[in-house]
Amino acid sequence: MSRPDLQIILRRAALMLRNVAGVPLDPATADALNSIAAEMKIGRSDLIQIVLREWLEANAYLLVRQLDEDSETDGSA
């Protein structure tokens, strides 16, 4: 599969995932996502978007976002 074809497929998948509340998950996965989302004080759909984006970046399906020196970041290293 060519890279442009893969990008089209991933964009379509991202559009479908905008409504992640309708994605059926096994109970253990749903519980884990809900616990992590509560711990991070974000919604489950936001967490799923973060996880998916980071997975796509880590596997070179998406370009890694660049942070400039003046950007603020949350968390710790």
Protein backbone atom coordinates (compact mmCIF):
# COMPACT_ATOMS: atom_id res chain seq x y z
CA MET A 1 0.00 0.00 0.00
CA SER A 2 1.37 3.39 -0.91
CA ARG A 3 1.92 6.12 1.66
CA PRO A 4 -0.77 8.42 0.14
CA ASP A 5 -3.30 5.56 0.26
CA LEU A 6 -2.40 4.89 3.89
CA GLN A 7 -2.80 8.57 4.73
CA ILE A 8 -6.27 8.59 3.18
CA ILE A 9 -7.28 5.53 5.19
CA LEU A 10 -5.93 7.03 8.41
CA ARG A 11 -7.72 10.34 7.81
CA ARG A 12 -10.99 8.49 7.24
CA ALA A 13 -10.41 6.49 10.43
CA ALA A 14 -9.73 9.71 12.35
CA LEU A 15 -13.01 11.17 11.13
CA MET A 16 -14.86 8.06 12.29
CA LEU A 17 -13.10 8.23 15.67
CA ARG A 18 -14.36 11.73 16.37
CA ASN A 19 -17.36 9.95 17.88
CA VAL A 20 -15.40 7.50 20.02
CA ALA A 21 -18.22 7.03 22.51
CA GLY A 22 -19.74 4.56 20.05
CA VAL A 23 -16.62 2.38 19.86
CA PRO A 24 -17.34 -0.92 21.62
CA LEU A 25 -14.55 -1.92 24.02
CA ASP A 26 -14.16 -4.95 26.22
CA PRO A 27 -14.89 -4.15 29.89
CA ALA A 28 -11.25 -4.35 31.04
CA THR A 29 -10.12 -1.89 28.34
CA ALA A 30 -13.01 0.47 29.06
CA ASP A 31 -12.25 0.40 32.80
CA ALA A 32 -8.56 1.11 32.18
CA LEU A 33 -9.36 4.03 29.86
CA ASN A 34 -11.88 5.45 32.32
CA SER A 35 -9.41 5.19 35.22
CA ILE A 36 -6.59 6.84 33.27
CA ALA A 37 -8.90 9.59 31.98
CA ALA A 38 -10.08 10.32 35.53
CA GLU A 39 -6.49 10.37 36.80
CA MET A 40 -5.49 12.80 34.05
CA LYS A 41 -8.70 14.83 34.56
CA ILE A 42 -9.66 14.59 30.89
CA GLY A 43 -12.53 12.96 29.06
CA ARG A 44 -12.33 9.41 27.76
CA SER A 45 -12.65 10.57 24.15
CA ASP A 46 -9.78 13.05 24.67
CA LEU A 47 -7.64 10.26 26.11
CA ILE A 48 -8.40 7.98 23.16
CA GLN A 49 -7.43 10.76 20.74
CA ILE A 50 -4.14 11.34 22.60
CA VAL A 51 -3.29 7.64 22.70
CA LEU A 52 -4.14 7.13 19.04
CA ARG A 53 -2.19 10.21 17.92
CA GLU A 54 0.87 9.21 19.95
CA TRP A 55 0.72 5.65 18.60
CA LEU A 56 0.51 6.94 15.01
CA GLU A 57 3.46 9.28 15.63
CA ALA A 58 5.53 6.56 17.31
CA ASN A 59 4.96 4.22 14.38
CA ALA A 60 5.74 6.91 11.76
CA TYR A 61 2.21 7.05 10.36
CA LEU A 62 1.91 10.68 11.41
CA LEU A 63 4.47 13.45 11.51
CA VAL A 64 5.73 14.21 15.01
CA ARG A 65 4.62 17.63 16.21
CA GLN A 66 7.48 20.04 16.81
CA LEU A 67 7.64 22.08 20.01
CA ASP A 68 9.47 25.37 19.88
CA GLU A 69 11.51 26.63 22.81
CA ASP A 70 8.77 29.05 23.91
CA SER A 71 6.07 26.37 24.10
CA GLU A 72 4.74 25.42 27.49
CA THR A 73 4.48 21.73 28.26
CA ASP A 74 2.58 19.87 30.96
CA GLY A 75 3.96 17.03 33.01
CA SER A 76 7.49 16.12 33.92
CA ALA A 77 10.40 14.36 32.32
